[in-house]
Amino acid sequence: MSLFVVIGAIFMIGGLTALAIALRHRREQRPRYAAMLIGGMMATAFGLVLAGFSVAYKATAPLDLNATGEGAR
């Protein structure tokens, strides 16, 4: 397991926590909870993308652009 997967999971947990708090207080109409809602969505998406790209990078083989034998012209 890569360090980026762990960091991504931490961001996702933190973002989901901020989302839950903001959604619980949504009737108060305070700017603090609107900011927490936006920040929670952004942190959750960042964690998901970070972990997803890390898994995809580890699962694929390296790309060899010179495998066809044609060099730069």
PDB file of N, CA and C in Angstrom:
ATOM      1  N   MET A   1       0.834  -1.166   0.000  1.00  0.00           N
ATOM      2  CA  MET A   1       0.000   0.000   0.000  1.00  0.00           C
ATOM      3  C   MET A   1       0.889   1.243   0.000  1.00  0.00           C
ATOM      4  N   SER A   2       0.561   2.143  -0.861  1.00  0.00           N
ATOM      5  CA  SER A   2       1.355   3.343  -1.027  1.00  0.00           C
ATOM      6  C   SER A   2       1.007   4.384   0.039  1.00  0.00           C
ATOM      7  N   LEU A   3       1.938   5.265   0.282  1.00  0.00           N
ATOM      8  CA  LEU A   3       1.707   6.356   1.219  1.00  0.00           C
ATOM      9  C   LEU A   3       0.601   7.275   0.712  1.00  0.00           C
ATOM     10  N   PHE A   4       0.491   7.414  -0.610  1.00  0.00           N
ATOM     11  CA  PHE A   4      -0.538   8.285  -1.180  1.00  0.00           C
ATOM     12  C   PHE A   4      -1.942   7.731  -0.943  1.00  0.00           C
ATOM     13  N   VAL A   5      -2.080   6.430  -0.892  1.00  0.00           N
ATOM     14  CA  VAL A   5      -3.384   5.836  -0.583  1.00  0.00           C
ATOM     15  C   VAL A   5      -3.775   6.176   0.854  1.00  0.00           C
ATOM     16  N   VAL A   6      -2.825   6.121   1.752  1.00  0.00           N
ATOM     17  CA  VAL A   6      -3.091   6.448   3.153  1.00  0.00           C
ATOM     18  C   VAL A   6      -3.445   7.933   3.293  1.00  0.00           C
ATOM     19  N   ILE A   7      -2.686   8.800   2.625  1.00  0.00           N
ATOM     20  CA  ILE A   7      -2.969  10.231   2.678  1.00  0.00           C
ATOM     21  C   ILE A   7      -4.337  10.520   2.060  1.00  0.00           C
ATOM     22  N   GLY A   8      -4.643   9.863   0.946  1.00  0.00           N
ATOM     23  CA  GLY A   8      -5.947  10.032   0.321  1.00  0.00           C
ATOM     24  C   GLY A   8      -7.079   9.588   1.227  1.00  0.00           C
ATOM     25  N   ALA A   9      -6.888   8.483   1.925  1.00  0.00           N
ATOM     26  CA  ALA A   9      -7.925   8.001   2.851  1.00  0.00           C
ATOM     27  C   ALA A   9      -8.122   8.971   4.007  1.00  0.00           C
ATOM     28  N   ILE A  10      -7.036   9.556   4.496  1.00  0.00           N
ATOM     29  CA  ILE A  10      -7.147  10.538   5.575  1.00  0.00           C
ATOM     30  C   ILE A  10      -7.916  11.768   5.099  1.00  0.00           C
ATOM     31  N   PHE A  11      -7.614  12.234   3.886  1.00  0.00           N
ATOM     32  CA  PHE A  11      -8.341  13.376   3.332  1.00  0.00           C
ATOM     33  C   PHE A  11      -9.819  13.044   3.150  1.00  0.00           C
ATOM     34  N   MET A  12     -10.099  11.834   2.693  1.00  0.00           N
ATOM     35  CA  MET A  12     -11.501  11.446   2.501  1.00  0.00           C
ATOM     36  C   MET A  12     -12.256  11.393   3.830  1.00  0.00           C
ATOM     37  N   ILE A  13     -11.646  10.846   4.852  1.00  0.00           N
ATOM     38  CA  ILE A  13     -12.297  10.770   6.164  1.00  0.00           C
ATOM     39  C   ILE A  13     -12.516  12.170   6.727  1.00  0.00           C
ATOM     40  N   GLY A  14     -11.513  13.028   6.612  1.00  0.00           N
ATOM     41  CA  GLY A  14     -11.668  14.408   7.083  1.00  0.00           C
ATOM     42  C   GLY A  14     -12.731  15.164   6.306  1.00  0.00           C
ATOM     43  N   GLY A  15     -12.759  14.973   4.989  1.00  0.00           N
ATOM     44  CA  GLY A  15     -13.764  15.638   4.170  1.00  0.00           C
ATOM     45  C   GLY A  15     -15.167  15.158   4.467  1.00  0.00           C
ATOM     46  N   LEU A  16     -15.321  13.862   4.660  1.00  0.00           N
ATOM     47  CA  LEU A  16     -16.643  13.328   4.996  1.00  0.00           C
ATOM     48  C   LEU A  16     -17.105  13.774   6.375  1.00  0.00           C
ATOM     49  N   THR A  17     -16.157  13.938   7.296  1.00  0.00           N
ATOM     50  CA  THR A  17     -16.498  14.453   8.620  1.00  0.00           C
ATOM     51  C   THR A  17     -16.986  15.898   8.520  1.00  0.00           C
ATOM     52  N   ALA A  18     -16.273  16.720   7.746  1.00  0.00           N
ATOM     53  CA  ALA A  18     -16.696  18.114   7.561  1.00  0.00           C
ATOM     54  C   ALA A  18     -18.052  18.187   6.859  1.00  0.00           C
ATOM     55  N   LEU A  19     -18.279  17.302   5.898  1.00  0.00           N
ATOM     56  CA  LEU A  19     -19.580  17.260   5.226  1.00  0.00           C
ATOM     57  C   LEU A  19     -20.697  16.902   6.200  1.00  0.00           C
ATOM     58  N   ALA A  20     -20.454  15.933   7.049  1.00  0.00           N
ATOM     59  CA  ALA A  20     -21.483  15.513   8.002  1.00  0.00           C
ATOM     60  C   ALA A  20     -21.812  16.629   8.982  1.00  0.00           C
ATOM     61  N   ILE A  21     -20.796  17.335   9.454  1.00  0.00           N
ATOM     62  CA  ILE A  21     -21.032  18.446  10.374  1.00  0.00           C
ATOM     63  C   ILE A  21     -21.804  19.561   9.671  1.00  0.00           C
ATOM     64  N   ALA A  22     -21.412  19.885   8.447  1.00  0.00           N
ATOM     65  CA  ALA A  22     -22.086  20.961   7.713  1.00  0.00           C
ATOM     66  C   ALA A  22     -23.528  20.601   7.388  1.00  0.00           C
ATOM     67  N   LEU A  23     -23.779  19.357   7.046  1.00  0.00           N
ATOM     68  CA  LEU A  23     -25.145  18.953   6.727  1.00  0.00           C
ATOM     69  C   LEU A  23     -26.033  18.898   7.972  1.00  0.00           C
ATOM     70  N   ARG A  24     -25.428  18.604   9.104  1.00  0.00           N
ATOM     71  CA  ARG A  24     -26.200  18.567  10.345  1.00  0.00           C
ATOM     72  C   ARG A  24     -26.645  19.972  10.767  1.00  0.00           C
ATOM     73  N   HIS A  25     -25.871  21.007  10.412  1.00  0.00           N
ATOM     74  CA  HIS A  25     -26.168  22.384  10.796  1.00  0.00           C
ATOM     75  C   HIS A  25     -26.645  23.228   9.613  1.00  0.00           C
ATOM     76  N   ARG A  26     -27.190  22.616   8.592  1.00  0.00           N
ATOM     77  CA  ARG A  26     -27.532  23.369   7.381  1.00  0.00           C
ATOM     78  C   ARG A  26     -28.678  24.351   7.582  1.00  0.00           C
ATOM     79  N   ARG A  27     -29.511  24.160   8.583  1.00  0.00           N
ATOM     80  CA  ARG A  27     -30.649  25.063   8.803  1.00  0.00           C
ATOM     81  C   ARG A  27     -30.250  26.359   9.492  1.00  0.00           C
ATOM     82  N   GLU A  28     -29.036  26.441  10.007  1.00  0.00           N
ATOM     83  CA  GLU A  28     -28.610  27.645  10.718  1.00  0.00           C
ATOM     84  C   GLU A  28     -28.239  28.786   9.776  1.00  0.00           C
ATOM     85  N   GLN A  29     -27.992  28.507   8.511  1.00  0.00           N
ATOM     86  CA  GLN A  29     -27.678  29.514   7.495  1.00  0.00           C
ATOM     87  C   GLN A  29     -26.475  30.382   7.880  1.00  0.00           C
ATOM     88  N   ARG A  30     -25.431  29.751   8.428  1.00  0.00           N
ATOM     89  CA  ARG A  30     -24.224  30.490   8.777  1.00  0.00           C
ATOM     90  C   ARG A  30     -23.163  30.242   7.722  1.00  0.00           C
ATOM     91  N   PRO A  31     -22.354  31.262   7.408  1.00  0.00           N
ATOM     92  CA  PRO A  31     -21.311  31.098   6.387  1.00  0.00           C
ATOM     93  C   PRO A  31     -20.264  30.038   6.759  1.00  0.00           C
ATOM     94  N   ARG A  32     -20.083  29.825   8.037  1.00  0.00           N
ATOM     95  CA  ARG A  32     -19.096  28.830   8.480  1.00  0.00           C
ATOM     96  C   ARG A  32     -19.457  27.442   7.957  1.00  0.00           C
ATOM     97  N   TYR A  33     -20.738  27.094   8.039  1.00  0.00           N
ATOM     98  CA  TYR A  33     -21.149  25.764   7.610  1.00  0.00           C
ATOM     99  C   TYR A  33     -21.220  25.646   6.092  1.00  0.00           C
ATOM    100  N   ALA A  34     -21.450  26.751   5.419  1.00  0.00           N
ATOM    101  CA  ALA A  34     -21.378  26.728   3.953  1.00  0.00           C
ATOM    102  C   ALA A  34     -19.942  26.486   3.506  1.00  0.00           C
ATOM    103  N   ALA A  35     -18.994  27.127   4.197  1.00  0.00           N
ATOM    104  CA  ALA A  35     -17.583  26.911   3.883  1.00  0.00           C
ATOM    105  C   ALA A  35     -17.153  25.487   4.213  1.00  0.00           C
ATOM    106  N   MET A  36     -17.665  24.939   5.306  1.00  0.00           N
ATOM    107  CA  MET A  36     -17.347  23.556   5.659  1.00  0.00           C
ATOM    108  C   MET A  36     -17.912  22.586   4.631  1.00  0.00           C
ATOM    109  N   LEU A  37     -19.088  22.895   4.094  1.00  0.00           N
ATOM    110  CA  LEU A  37     -19.685  22.052   3.067  1.00  0.00           C
ATOM    111  C   LEU A  37     -18.816  22.031   1.809  1.00  0.00           C
ATOM    112  N   ILE A  38     -18.394  23.205   1.375  1.00  0.00           N
ATOM    113  CA  ILE A  38     -17.555  23.299   0.175  1.00  0.00           C
ATOM    114  C   ILE A  38     -16.192  22.650   0.420  1.00  0.00           C
ATOM    115  N   GLY A  39     -15.584  22.968   1.551  1.00  0.00           N
ATOM    116  CA  GLY A  39     -14.280  22.387   1.871  1.00  0.00           C
ATOM    117  C   GLY A  39     -14.333  20.879   2.044  1.00  0.00           C
ATOM    118  N   GLY A  40     -15.398  20.392   2.641  1.00  0.00           N
ATOM    119  CA  GLY A  40     -15.554  18.943   2.814  1.00  0.00           C
ATOM    120  C   GLY A  40     -15.683  18.224   1.486  1.00  0.00           C
ATOM    121  N   MET A  41     -16.443  18.831   0.564  1.00  0.00           N
ATOM    122  CA  MET A  41     -16.562  18.220  -0.772  1.00  0.00           C
ATOM    123  C   MET A  41     -15.224  18.223  -1.498  1.00  0.00           C
ATOM    124  N   MET A  42     -14.493  19.331  -1.382  1.00  0.00           N
ATOM    125  CA  MET A  42     -13.201  19.420  -2.051  1.00  0.00           C
ATOM    126  C   MET A  42     -12.191  18.438  -1.469  1.00  0.00           C
ATOM    127  N   ALA A  43     -12.147  18.312  -0.152  1.00  0.00           N
ATOM    128  CA  ALA A  43     -11.211  17.387   0.492  1.00  0.00           C
ATOM    129  C   ALA A  43     -11.553  15.937   0.161  1.00  0.00           C
ATOM    130  N   THR A  44     -12.835  15.613   0.133  1.00  0.00           N
ATOM    131  CA  THR A  44     -13.249  14.254  -0.206  1.00  0.00           C
ATOM    132  C   THR A  44     -12.866  13.917  -1.645  1.00  0.00           C
ATOM    133  N   ALA A  45     -13.119  14.845  -2.559  1.00  0.00           N
ATOM    134  CA  ALA A  45     -12.769  14.609  -3.961  1.00  0.00           C
ATOM    135  C   ALA A  45     -11.260  14.502  -4.138  1.00  0.00           C
ATOM    136  N   PHE A  46     -10.497  15.354  -3.452  1.00  0.00           N
ATOM    137  CA  PHE A  46      -9.038  15.296  -3.558  1.00  0.00           C
ATOM    138  C   PHE A  46      -8.505  13.967  -3.036  1.00  0.00           C
ATOM    139  N   GLY A  47      -9.015  13.510  -1.918  1.00  0.00           N
ATOM    140  CA  GLY A  47      -8.570  12.229  -1.372  1.00  0.00           C
ATOM    141  C   GLY A  47      -8.898  11.067  -2.284  1.00  0.00           C
ATOM    142  N   LEU A  48     -10.077  11.100  -2.887  1.00  0.00           N
ATOM    143  CA  LEU A  48     -10.477  10.044  -3.803  1.00  0.00           C
ATOM    144  C   LEU A  48      -9.592  10.037  -5.052  1.00  0.00           C
ATOM    145  N   VAL A  49      -9.325  11.208  -5.610  1.00  0.00           N
ATOM    146  CA  VAL A  49      -8.473  11.297  -6.800  1.00  0.00           C
ATOM    147  C   VAL A  49      -7.036  10.892  -6.476  1.00  0.00           C
ATOM    148  N   LEU A  50      -6.518  11.340  -5.347  1.00  0.00           N
ATOM    149  CA  LEU A  50      -5.146  11.003  -4.960  1.00  0.00           C
ATOM    150  C   LEU A  50      -4.985   9.497  -4.777  1.00  0.00           C
ATOM    151  N   ALA A  51      -5.892   8.875  -4.065  1.00  0.00           N
ATOM    152  CA  ALA A  51      -5.807   7.434  -3.847  1.00  0.00           C
ATOM    153  C   ALA A  51      -6.046   6.672  -5.149  1.00  0.00           C
ATOM    154  N   GLY A  52      -6.985   7.136  -5.964  1.00  0.00           N
ATOM    155  CA  GLY A  52      -7.278   6.453  -7.227  1.00  0.00           C
ATOM    156  C   GLY A  52      -6.111   6.483  -8.198  1.00  0.00           C
ATOM    157  N   PHE A  53      -5.485   7.643  -8.346  1.00  0.00           N
ATOM    158  CA  PHE A  53      -4.337   7.731  -9.240  1.00  0.00           C
ATOM    159  C   PHE A  53      -3.150   6.930  -8.713  1.00  0.00           C
ATOM    160  N   SER A  54      -2.993   6.865  -7.403  1.00  0.00           N
ATOM    161  CA  SER A  54      -1.911   6.074  -6.833  1.00  0.00           C
ATOM    162  C   SER A  54      -2.115   4.585  -7.114  1.00  0.00           C
ATOM    163  N   VAL A  55      -3.327   4.109  -6.963  1.00  0.00           N
ATOM    164  CA  VAL A  55      -3.622   2.703  -7.251  1.00  0.00           C
ATOM    165  C   VAL A  55      -3.448   2.413  -8.738  1.00  0.00           C
ATOM    166  N   ALA A  56      -3.929   3.318  -9.595  1.00  0.00           N
ATOM    167  CA  ALA A  56      -3.797   3.118 -11.039  1.00  0.00           C
ATOM    168  C   ALA A  56      -2.332   3.143 -11.471  1.00  0.00           C
ATOM    169  N   TYR A  57      -1.516   3.988 -10.854  1.00  0.00           N
ATOM    170  CA  TYR A  57      -0.096   4.065 -11.191  1.00  0.00           C
ATOM    171  C   TYR A  57       0.618   2.780 -10.796  1.00  0.00           C
ATOM    172  N   LYS A  58       0.268   2.227  -9.652  1.00  0.00           N
ATOM    173  CA  LYS A  58       0.905   0.982  -9.208  1.00  0.00           C
ATOM    174  C   LYS A  58       0.442  -0.227 -10.021  1.00  0.00           C
ATOM    175  N   ALA A  59      -0.766  -0.171 -10.581  1.00  0.00           N
ATOM    176  CA  ALA A  59      -1.343  -1.337 -11.254  1.00  0.00           C
ATOM    177  C   ALA A  59      -0.970  -1.437 -12.730  1.00  0.00           C
ATOM    178  N   THR A  60      -0.476  -0.366 -13.328  1.00  0.00           N
ATOM    179  CA  THR A  60      -0.183  -0.390 -14.761  1.00  0.00           C
ATOM    180  C   THR A  60       1.309  -0.512 -15.009  1.00  0.00           C
ATOM    181  N   ALA A  61       1.620  -1.050 -16.170  1.00  0.00           N
ATOM    182  CA  ALA A  61       3.020  -1.183 -16.572  1.00  0.00           C
ATOM    183  C   ALA A  61       3.523   0.153 -17.123  1.00  0.00           C
ATOM    184  N   PRO A  62       4.827   0.380 -17.080  1.00  0.00           N
ATOM    185  CA  PRO A  62       5.355   1.627 -17.630  1.00  0.00           C
ATOM    186  C   PRO A  62       5.146   1.694 -19.143  1.00  0.00           C
ATOM    187  N   LEU A  63       4.932   2.889 -19.639  1.00  0.00           N
ATOM    188  CA  LEU A  63       4.699   3.104 -21.058  1.00  0.00           C
ATOM    189  C   LEU A  63       6.031   3.323 -21.758  1.00  0.00           C
ATOM    190  N   ASP A  64       6.325   2.487 -22.741  1.00  0.00           N
ATOM    191  CA  ASP A  64       7.560   2.617 -23.509  1.00  0.00           C
ATOM    192  C   ASP A  64       7.218   3.181 -24.882  1.00  0.00           C
ATOM    193  N   LEU A  65       7.518   4.444 -25.087  1.00  0.00           N
ATOM    194  CA  LEU A  65       7.174   5.102 -26.340  1.00  0.00           C
ATOM    195  C   LEU A  65       8.112   4.711 -27.478  1.00  0.00           C
ATOM    196  N   ASN A  66       9.228   4.089 -27.176  1.00  0.00           N
ATOM    197  CA  ASN A  66      10.184   3.703 -28.209  1.00  0.00           C
ATOM    198  C   ASN A  66      10.053   2.227 -28.585  1.00  0.00           C
ATOM    199  N   ALA A  67       8.977   1.581 -28.213  1.00  0.00           N
ATOM    200  CA  ALA A  67       8.812   0.160 -28.475  1.00  0.00           C
ATOM    201  C   ALA A  67       8.580  -0.132 -29.957  1.00  0.00           C
ATOM    202  N   THR A  68       8.089   0.822 -30.741  1.00  0.00           N
ATOM    203  CA  THR A  68       7.813   0.578 -32.151  1.00  0.00           C
ATOM    204  C   THR A  68       9.057   0.673 -33.001  1.00  0.00           C
ATOM    205  N   GLY A  69      10.117   1.225 -32.507  1.00  0.00           N
ATOM    206  CA  GLY A  69      11.362   1.331 -33.258  1.00  0.00           C
ATOM    207  C   GLY A  69      11.495   2.633 -34.012  1.00  0.00           C
ATOM    208  N   GLU A  70      10.466   3.436 -34.049  1.00  0.00           N
ATOM    209  CA  GLU A  70      10.532   4.723 -34.729  1.00  0.00           C
ATOM    210  C   GLU A  70      11.073   5.758 -33.757  1.00  0.00           C
ATOM    211  N   GLY A  71      12.117   6.412 -34.127  1.00  0.00           N
ATOM    212  CA  GLY A  71      12.711   7.434 -33.269  1.00  0.00           C
ATOM    213  C   GLY A  71      12.132   8.798 -33.570  1.00  0.00           C
ATOM    214  N   ALA A  72      12.675   9.770 -32.891  1.00  0.00           N
ATOM    215  CA  ALA A  72      12.234  11.143 -33.118  1.00  0.00           C
ATOM    216  C   ALA A  72      12.742  11.613 -34.478  1.00  0.00           C
ATOM    217  N   ARG A  73      11.940  12.338 -35.178  1.00  0.00           N
ATOM    218  CA  ARG A  73      12.323  12.795 -36.524  1.00  0.00           C
ATOM    219  C   ARG A  73      12.776  14.211 -36.514  1.00  0.00           C
TER     220      ARG A  73
END
